[in-house]
Every structure is written in structure tokens, then in C-alpha cells.
Amino acid sequence: MLALMPALVIDSELRAAVGARIKALRKAKEWTMRELALKIDVRHTHLAKYEAGVHAPPLEKLAHLADLFAVTLDYLVAGRQPDDQPITSLHLMERFRALEHAPADDQNTVVNVIDAVIAKNRMASALQPVAPRHAG
């Protein structure tokens, strides 16, 4: 991951991808830009530049963001999810345990429904209108 840090400064596509992950994680927490900026001790205008991929957050800010969002630095920078990341929702875990003994056809149906919900949420997120910028 540390090997990617110089590339983060130089590579505009990588900066944009990191910014998009920061924005998506912020929105998932239902935090405003100002709220997150306060949490990581930067101006909201600087956070906007991180999210837009204009600037790369320094390593200490990335580490703070990863802690706030309960993700790894590897995910934040490279988009790689650890395979061993546990499911933290007890509600979901109980359902998955109950389905573990269901017939394969039923399990496949559930997987298809989950995939459809994930696709719907990704599409809705991608189609979110961009808020107009205010002067000042």
C-alpha cells in the first residue's frame, strides 16, 4: 500500500478513485462534507478537493479516514477489500446462518436478490445529482 502513495500524488485516475471512495463512505455514514472535515481536521473545501480527486490526502489523513470509516488503508487507496472482513451486522448474519442449510436453489435465489439490491444501490449512487457549488 505504501508503494502506491507516490502514485497517488501523480496519478489523477488513482486520486479520483480514492476521492470517490471517500465520498461514497461519507455518504454511507450520512455525514456532510463539513462534518467529515471537522472529524479529520481539514477545511471542507480541502475535503472537497480530496473527493474530487484534485488533491491526494496525506498518509495521516488517509489513516484517520480509514479508522473513521472502519475500512483498511488498502481499501481506501487501492479499492481492495480483505477477504477475511467479517460481517458485522448481526441481523444479516442470523439470516445467512439460517440460509446455510436451505436447498441450493433457495440459496441461489437469495444470492440473485442480493446481487439485484447491490446493483440497484450502485446505480442509484451513480445517478445522484451533483449539488450545485455555492460561492463563498
N, C-alpha and C. Protein backbone atom coordinates (compact mmCIF):
# COMPACT_ATOMS: atom_id res chain seq x y z
N MET A 1 0.82 -1.18 0.00
CA MET A 1 0.00 0.00 0.00
C MET A 1 0.86 1.25 0.00
N LEU A 2 1.94 1.25 0.80
CA LEU A 2 2.81 2.43 0.84
C LEU A 2 3.45 2.69 -0.51
N ALA A 3 3.62 1.64 -1.30
CA ALA A 3 4.18 1.82 -2.64
C ALA A 3 3.26 2.64 -3.52
N LEU A 4 1.98 2.67 -3.21
CA LEU A 4 1.02 3.43 -4.01
C LEU A 4 1.00 4.92 -3.66
N MET A 5 1.58 5.30 -2.54
CA MET A 5 1.49 6.69 -2.10
C MET A 5 2.08 7.68 -3.11
N PRO A 6 3.30 7.44 -3.67
CA PRO A 6 3.79 8.39 -4.69
C PRO A 6 2.87 8.44 -5.91
N ALA A 7 2.32 7.29 -6.30
CA ALA A 7 1.42 7.24 -7.45
C ALA A 7 0.15 8.03 -7.17
N LEU A 8 -0.28 8.05 -5.93
CA LEU A 8 -1.49 8.77 -5.55
C LEU A 8 -1.34 10.26 -5.83
N VAL A 9 -0.15 10.78 -5.62
CA VAL A 9 0.11 12.20 -5.87
C VAL A 9 0.14 12.48 -7.37
N ILE A 10 0.70 11.57 -8.14
CA ILE A 10 0.93 11.79 -9.58
C ILE A 10 -0.27 11.37 -10.44
N ASP A 11 -0.88 10.25 -10.12
CA ASP A 11 -1.90 9.63 -10.97
C ASP A 11 -3.29 10.21 -10.70
N SER A 12 -3.80 10.99 -11.64
CA SER A 12 -5.10 11.64 -11.44
C SER A 12 -6.24 10.62 -11.36
N GLU A 13 -6.14 9.51 -12.07
CA GLU A 13 -7.19 8.48 -12.00
C GLU A 13 -7.22 7.83 -10.63
N LEU A 14 -6.05 7.58 -10.06
CA LEU A 14 -5.98 6.99 -8.73
C LEU A 14 -6.53 7.98 -7.69
N ARG A 15 -6.17 9.25 -7.81
CA ARG A 15 -6.71 10.27 -6.90
C ARG A 15 -8.23 10.33 -7.00
N ALA A 16 -8.75 10.26 -8.23
CA ALA A 16 -10.20 10.31 -8.44
C ALA A 16 -10.88 9.09 -7.81
N ALA A 17 -10.25 7.92 -7.93
CA ALA A 17 -10.83 6.71 -7.36
C ALA A 17 -10.83 6.78 -5.83
N VAL A 18 -9.75 7.27 -5.24
CA VAL A 18 -9.69 7.44 -3.79
C VAL A 18 -10.75 8.44 -3.35
N GLY A 19 -10.85 9.55 -4.06
CA GLY A 19 -11.86 10.56 -3.74
C GLY A 19 -13.27 10.01 -3.81
N ALA A 20 -13.53 9.19 -4.82
CA ALA A 20 -14.87 8.59 -4.97
C ALA A 20 -15.17 7.65 -3.80
N ARG A 21 -14.15 6.90 -3.36
CA ARG A 21 -14.38 6.01 -2.21
C ARG A 21 -14.63 6.83 -0.94
N ILE A 22 -13.87 7.90 -0.74
CA ILE A 22 -14.08 8.75 0.43
C ILE A 22 -15.50 9.32 0.41
N LYS A 23 -15.92 9.81 -0.74
CA LYS A 23 -17.26 10.39 -0.86
C LYS A 23 -18.34 9.35 -0.60
N ALA A 24 -18.18 8.16 -1.19
CA ALA A 24 -19.18 7.10 -1.00
C ALA A 24 -19.26 6.67 0.46
N LEU A 25 -18.11 6.56 1.12
CA LEU A 25 -18.10 6.18 2.53
C LEU A 25 -18.72 7.28 3.39
N ARG A 26 -18.43 8.53 3.06
CA ARG A 26 -19.02 9.66 3.80
C ARG A 26 -20.54 9.63 3.66
N LYS A 27 -21.01 9.44 2.43
CA LYS A 27 -22.46 9.43 2.19
C LYS A 27 -23.12 8.24 2.88
N ALA A 28 -22.42 7.11 2.92
CA ALA A 28 -22.97 5.93 3.60
C ALA A 28 -23.16 6.21 5.09
N LYS A 29 -22.32 7.04 5.66
CA LYS A 29 -22.44 7.44 7.08
C LYS A 29 -23.43 8.59 7.25
N GLU A 30 -23.91 9.13 6.12
CA GLU A 30 -24.83 10.27 6.10
C GLU A 30 -24.22 11.50 6.77
N TRP A 31 -22.92 11.69 6.54
CA TRP A 31 -22.21 12.86 7.04
C TRP A 31 -22.13 13.90 5.94
N THR A 32 -22.23 15.14 6.31
CA THR A 32 -21.99 16.21 5.35
C THR A 32 -20.49 16.36 5.18
N MET A 33 -20.12 17.10 4.16
CA MET A 33 -18.70 17.37 3.95
C MET A 33 -18.11 18.12 5.14
N ARG A 34 -18.87 19.06 5.66
CA ARG A 34 -18.40 19.83 6.83
C ARG A 34 -18.19 18.93 8.05
N GLU A 35 -19.11 18.00 8.26
CA GLU A 35 -18.98 17.09 9.40
C GLU A 35 -17.71 16.25 9.30
N LEU A 36 -17.48 15.67 8.13
CA LEU A 36 -16.28 14.85 7.96
C LEU A 36 -15.02 15.71 8.04
N ALA A 37 -15.07 16.89 7.46
CA ALA A 37 -13.91 17.78 7.51
C ALA A 37 -13.52 18.09 8.96
N LEU A 38 -14.52 18.33 9.80
CA LEU A 38 -14.25 18.57 11.22
C LEU A 38 -13.62 17.36 11.89
N LYS A 39 -14.10 16.17 11.53
CA LYS A 39 -13.59 14.95 12.14
C LYS A 39 -12.12 14.69 11.80
N ILE A 40 -11.70 15.11 10.58
CA ILE A 40 -10.31 14.86 10.18
C ILE A 40 -9.45 16.13 10.23
N ASP A 41 -10.04 17.19 10.76
CA ASP A 41 -9.33 18.45 10.98
C ASP A 41 -8.76 19.06 9.69
N VAL A 42 -9.65 19.19 8.69
CA VAL A 42 -9.32 19.92 7.47
C VAL A 42 -10.50 20.83 7.14
N ARG A 43 -10.27 21.81 6.29
CA ARG A 43 -11.37 22.65 5.83
C ARG A 43 -12.24 21.84 4.87
N HIS A 44 -13.54 22.15 4.87
CA HIS A 44 -14.43 21.41 3.98
C HIS A 44 -14.05 21.62 2.51
N THR A 45 -13.46 22.76 2.19
CA THR A 45 -13.04 23.00 0.81
C THR A 45 -11.88 22.06 0.42
N HIS A 46 -11.04 21.76 1.40
CA HIS A 46 -9.93 20.83 1.12
C HIS A 46 -10.48 19.41 0.97
N LEU A 47 -11.44 19.04 1.81
CA LEU A 47 -12.08 17.73 1.67
C LEU A 47 -12.74 17.61 0.31
N ALA A 48 -13.36 18.68 -0.16
CA ALA A 48 -13.99 18.67 -1.49
C ALA A 48 -12.94 18.36 -2.57
N LYS A 49 -11.75 18.88 -2.39
CA LYS A 49 -10.68 18.60 -3.37
C LYS A 49 -10.21 17.16 -3.28
N TYR A 50 -10.21 16.58 -2.06
CA TYR A 50 -9.90 15.15 -1.94
C TYR A 50 -10.95 14.33 -2.68
N GLU A 51 -12.22 14.63 -2.42
CA GLU A 51 -13.31 13.86 -3.02
C GLU A 51 -13.36 14.02 -4.53
N ALA A 52 -12.96 15.17 -5.03
CA ALA A 52 -12.96 15.41 -6.48
C ALA A 52 -11.71 14.85 -7.15
N GLY A 53 -10.74 14.40 -6.36
CA GLY A 53 -9.52 13.86 -6.94
C GLY A 53 -8.53 14.93 -7.35
N VAL A 54 -8.74 16.16 -6.91
CA VAL A 54 -7.83 17.25 -7.25
C VAL A 54 -6.55 17.14 -6.43
N HIS A 55 -6.71 16.84 -5.14
CA HIS A 55 -5.58 16.66 -4.24
C HIS A 55 -5.65 15.28 -3.60
N ALA A 56 -4.49 14.74 -3.24
CA ALA A 56 -4.43 13.47 -2.52
C ALA A 56 -4.28 13.75 -1.03
N PRO A 57 -5.08 13.09 -0.21
CA PRO A 57 -4.91 13.27 1.23
C PRO A 57 -3.54 12.72 1.66
N PRO A 58 -2.89 13.38 2.61
CA PRO A 58 -1.63 12.83 3.13
C PRO A 58 -1.90 11.54 3.90
N LEU A 59 -0.86 10.76 4.10
CA LEU A 59 -0.99 9.45 4.72
C LEU A 59 -1.69 9.51 6.07
N GLU A 60 -1.37 10.51 6.89
CA GLU A 60 -2.01 10.58 8.22
C GLU A 60 -3.51 10.84 8.10
N LYS A 61 -3.93 11.59 7.09
CA LYS A 61 -5.37 11.83 6.87
C LYS A 61 -6.04 10.56 6.34
N LEU A 62 -5.34 9.85 5.45
CA LEU A 62 -5.88 8.59 4.94
C LEU A 62 -6.07 7.59 6.08
N ALA A 63 -5.10 7.53 6.99
CA ALA A 63 -5.20 6.61 8.13
C ALA A 63 -6.38 7.00 9.01
N HIS A 64 -6.55 8.30 9.24
CA HIS A 64 -7.68 8.78 10.05
C HIS A 64 -9.01 8.44 9.37
N LEU A 65 -9.08 8.67 8.06
CA LEU A 65 -10.30 8.33 7.32
C LEU A 65 -10.60 6.84 7.40
N ALA A 66 -9.58 6.02 7.23
CA ALA A 66 -9.77 4.56 7.30
C ALA A 66 -10.33 4.17 8.67
N ASP A 67 -9.79 4.77 9.73
CA ASP A 67 -10.31 4.48 11.07
C ASP A 67 -11.76 4.93 11.23
N LEU A 68 -12.07 6.12 10.76
CA LEU A 68 -13.44 6.64 10.88
C LEU A 68 -14.45 5.77 10.14
N PHE A 69 -14.04 5.29 8.96
CA PHE A 69 -14.95 4.50 8.13
C PHE A 69 -14.86 3.00 8.41
N ALA A 70 -13.95 2.60 9.31
CA ALA A 70 -13.75 1.18 9.64
C ALA A 70 -13.42 0.36 8.40
N VAL A 71 -12.52 0.91 7.58
CA VAL A 71 -12.02 0.19 6.41
C VAL A 71 -10.49 0.16 6.50
N THR A 72 -9.87 -0.63 5.65
CA THR A 72 -8.42 -0.67 5.64
C THR A 72 -7.88 0.44 4.75
N LEU A 73 -6.63 0.81 4.99
CA LEU A 73 -5.96 1.76 4.09
C LEU A 73 -5.90 1.17 2.68
N ASP A 74 -5.70 -0.13 2.60
CA ASP A 74 -5.63 -0.80 1.30
C ASP A 74 -6.93 -0.59 0.53
N TYR A 75 -8.07 -0.67 1.21
CA TYR A 75 -9.34 -0.42 0.54
C TYR A 75 -9.44 1.04 0.12
N LEU A 76 -9.11 1.95 1.02
CA LEU A 76 -9.24 3.37 0.74
C LEU A 76 -8.40 3.79 -0.46
N VAL A 77 -7.16 3.28 -0.53
CA VAL A 77 -6.24 3.69 -1.60
C VAL A 77 -6.40 2.83 -2.85
N ALA A 78 -6.46 1.51 -2.69
CA ALA A 78 -6.46 0.62 -3.86
C ALA A 78 -7.81 0.00 -4.17
N GLY A 79 -8.76 0.15 -3.27
CA GLY A 79 -10.08 -0.42 -3.51
C GLY A 79 -10.17 -1.91 -3.24
N ARG A 80 -9.14 -2.47 -2.62
CA ARG A 80 -9.13 -3.92 -2.35
C ARG A 80 -9.75 -4.19 -0.99
N GLN A 81 -10.78 -5.03 -1.01
CA GLN A 81 -11.44 -5.46 0.23
C GLN A 81 -10.73 -6.71 0.74
N PRO A 82 -10.45 -6.78 2.03
CA PRO A 82 -9.87 -8.01 2.56
C PRO A 82 -10.89 -9.14 2.50
N ASP A 83 -10.43 -10.33 2.15
CA ASP A 83 -11.32 -11.48 2.05
C ASP A 83 -11.84 -11.93 3.41
N ASP A 84 -11.09 -11.61 4.45
CA ASP A 84 -11.47 -12.09 5.77
C ASP A 84 -12.25 -11.05 6.58
N GLN A 85 -12.76 -10.01 5.91
CA GLN A 85 -13.51 -8.98 6.62
C GLN A 85 -14.83 -9.58 7.11
N PRO A 86 -15.05 -9.56 8.42
CA PRO A 86 -16.27 -10.19 8.96
C PRO A 86 -17.51 -9.36 8.67
N ILE A 87 -18.63 -10.04 8.67
CA ILE A 87 -19.92 -9.36 8.58
C ILE A 87 -20.23 -8.87 9.98
N THR A 88 -20.49 -7.58 10.11
CA THR A 88 -20.71 -7.01 11.45
C THR A 88 -22.18 -6.87 11.80
N SER A 89 -23.05 -7.04 10.84
CA SER A 89 -24.49 -6.92 11.10
C SER A 89 -25.03 -8.25 11.63
N LEU A 90 -25.42 -8.27 12.89
CA LEU A 90 -25.98 -9.47 13.49
C LEU A 90 -27.26 -9.88 12.77
N HIS A 91 -28.04 -8.89 12.36
CA HIS A 91 -29.29 -9.12 11.64
C HIS A 91 -29.03 -9.94 10.36
N LEU A 92 -28.02 -9.53 9.58
CA LEU A 92 -27.68 -10.25 8.35
C LEU A 92 -27.07 -11.62 8.66
N MET A 93 -26.20 -11.66 9.64
CA MET A 93 -25.52 -12.91 9.97
C MET A 93 -26.52 -14.00 10.37
N GLU A 94 -27.53 -13.63 11.14
CA GLU A 94 -28.55 -14.61 11.54
C GLU A 94 -29.26 -15.17 10.33
N ARG A 95 -29.57 -14.30 9.37
CA ARG A 95 -30.26 -14.77 8.16
C ARG A 95 -29.37 -15.69 7.33
N PHE A 96 -28.10 -15.31 7.19
CA PHE A 96 -27.17 -16.14 6.41
C PHE A 96 -26.98 -17.52 7.05
N ARG A 97 -26.91 -17.54 8.37
CA ARG A 97 -26.78 -18.84 9.05
C ARG A 97 -28.01 -19.70 8.81
N ALA A 98 -29.19 -19.10 8.86
CA ALA A 98 -30.42 -19.86 8.62
C ALA A 98 -30.47 -20.37 7.18
N LEU A 99 -29.96 -19.60 6.25
CA LEU A 99 -29.99 -19.99 4.84
C LEU A 99 -28.93 -21.03 4.47
N GLU A 100 -27.94 -21.18 5.34
CA GLU A 100 -26.85 -22.10 5.04
C GLU A 100 -27.35 -23.53 4.82
N HIS A 101 -28.44 -23.89 5.47
CA HIS A 101 -28.98 -25.24 5.35
C HIS A 101 -30.15 -25.33 4.39
N ALA A 102 -30.46 -24.25 3.72
CA ALA A 102 -31.56 -24.24 2.75
C ALA A 102 -31.10 -24.95 1.47
N PRO A 103 -32.03 -25.40 0.67
CA PRO A 103 -31.66 -26.04 -0.61
C PRO A 103 -30.87 -25.07 -1.50
N ALA A 104 -30.03 -25.62 -2.36
CA ALA A 104 -29.16 -24.82 -3.23
C ALA A 104 -29.96 -23.84 -4.09
N ASP A 105 -31.12 -24.27 -4.57
CA ASP A 105 -31.96 -23.37 -5.38
C ASP A 105 -32.40 -22.15 -4.59
N ASP A 106 -32.76 -22.35 -3.34
CA ASP A 106 -33.16 -21.23 -2.49
C ASP A 106 -31.97 -20.31 -2.22
N GLN A 107 -30.81 -20.89 -1.98
CA GLN A 107 -29.60 -20.09 -1.76
C GLN A 107 -29.27 -19.25 -2.99
N ASN A 108 -29.39 -19.85 -4.17
CA ASN A 108 -29.13 -19.12 -5.42
C ASN A 108 -30.13 -17.98 -5.60
N THR A 109 -31.38 -18.21 -5.24
CA THR A 109 -32.39 -17.16 -5.33
C THR A 109 -32.01 -15.98 -4.43
N VAL A 110 -31.59 -16.28 -3.22
CA VAL A 110 -31.20 -15.23 -2.28
C VAL A 110 -30.00 -14.46 -2.83
N VAL A 111 -29.02 -15.18 -3.36
CA VAL A 111 -27.83 -14.52 -3.93
C VAL A 111 -28.25 -13.60 -5.09
N ASN A 112 -29.16 -14.06 -5.93
CA ASN A 112 -29.63 -13.23 -7.03
C ASN A 112 -30.35 -11.97 -6.54
N VAL A 113 -31.15 -12.11 -5.49
CA VAL A 113 -31.84 -10.95 -4.92
C VAL A 113 -30.82 -9.97 -4.33
N ILE A 114 -29.85 -10.50 -3.60
CA ILE A 114 -28.80 -9.64 -3.03
C ILE A 114 -28.05 -8.92 -4.14
N ASP A 115 -27.67 -9.63 -5.19
CA ASP A 115 -26.98 -9.01 -6.32
C ASP A 115 -27.82 -7.89 -6.94
N ALA A 116 -29.12 -8.13 -7.05
CA ALA A 116 -30.00 -7.10 -7.63
C ALA A 116 -30.07 -5.87 -6.73
N VAL A 117 -30.15 -6.07 -5.43
CA VAL A 117 -30.19 -4.93 -4.50
C VAL A 117 -28.87 -4.15 -4.56
N ILE A 118 -27.76 -4.86 -4.60
CA ILE A 118 -26.46 -4.20 -4.70
C ILE A 118 -26.37 -3.39 -5.99
N ALA A 119 -26.79 -3.98 -7.10
CA ALA A 119 -26.76 -3.28 -8.39
C ALA A 119 -27.66 -2.05 -8.36
N LYS A 120 -28.84 -2.18 -7.76
CA LYS A 120 -29.77 -1.05 -7.65
C LYS A 120 -29.14 0.09 -6.84
N ASN A 121 -28.51 -0.24 -5.73
CA ASN A 121 -27.88 0.78 -4.88
C ASN A 121 -26.69 1.44 -5.57
N ARG A 122 -25.92 0.66 -6.30
CA ARG A 122 -24.80 1.24 -7.05
C ARG A 122 -25.31 2.18 -8.13
N MET A 123 -26.35 1.78 -8.81
CA MET A 123 -26.93 2.61 -9.86
C MET A 123 -27.50 3.90 -9.26
N ALA A 124 -28.21 3.78 -8.16
CA ALA A 124 -28.79 4.96 -7.52
C ALA A 124 -27.69 5.91 -7.07
N SER A 125 -26.61 5.35 -6.55
CA SER A 125 -25.48 6.18 -6.11
C SER A 125 -24.83 6.88 -7.30
N ALA A 126 -24.70 6.17 -8.41
CA ALA A 126 -24.07 6.74 -9.60
C ALA A 126 -24.93 7.83 -10.23
N LEU A 127 -26.24 7.74 -10.05
CA LEU A 127 -27.15 8.71 -10.65
C LEU A 127 -27.49 9.89 -9.74
N GLN A 128 -26.89 9.93 -8.55
CA GLN A 128 -27.15 11.03 -7.63
C GLN A 128 -26.76 12.34 -8.29
N PRO A 129 -27.62 13.35 -8.23
CA PRO A 129 -27.27 14.64 -8.83
C PRO A 129 -26.14 15.30 -8.04
N VAL A 130 -25.32 16.02 -8.74
CA VAL A 130 -24.23 16.75 -8.09
C VAL A 130 -24.81 18.04 -7.54
N ALA A 131 -24.54 18.30 -6.28
CA ALA A 131 -25.06 19.51 -5.65
C ALA A 131 -24.38 20.72 -6.26
N PRO A 132 -25.15 21.78 -6.51
CA PRO A 132 -24.55 22.98 -7.08
C PRO A 132 -23.55 23.60 -6.10
N ARG A 133 -22.49 24.15 -6.65
CA ARG A 133 -21.49 24.81 -5.82
C ARG A 133 -21.96 26.20 -5.48
N HIS A 134 -21.76 26.56 -4.23
CA HIS A 134 -22.14 27.88 -3.76
C HIS A 134 -20.91 28.75 -3.67
N ALA A 135 -21.03 29.96 -4.09
CA ALA A 135 -19.91 30.91 -3.99
C ALA A 135 -19.75 31.30 -2.54
N GLY A 136 -18.51 31.51 -2.15
CA GLY A 136 -18.31 31.99 -0.80
C GLY A 136 -17.49 31.12 -0.06
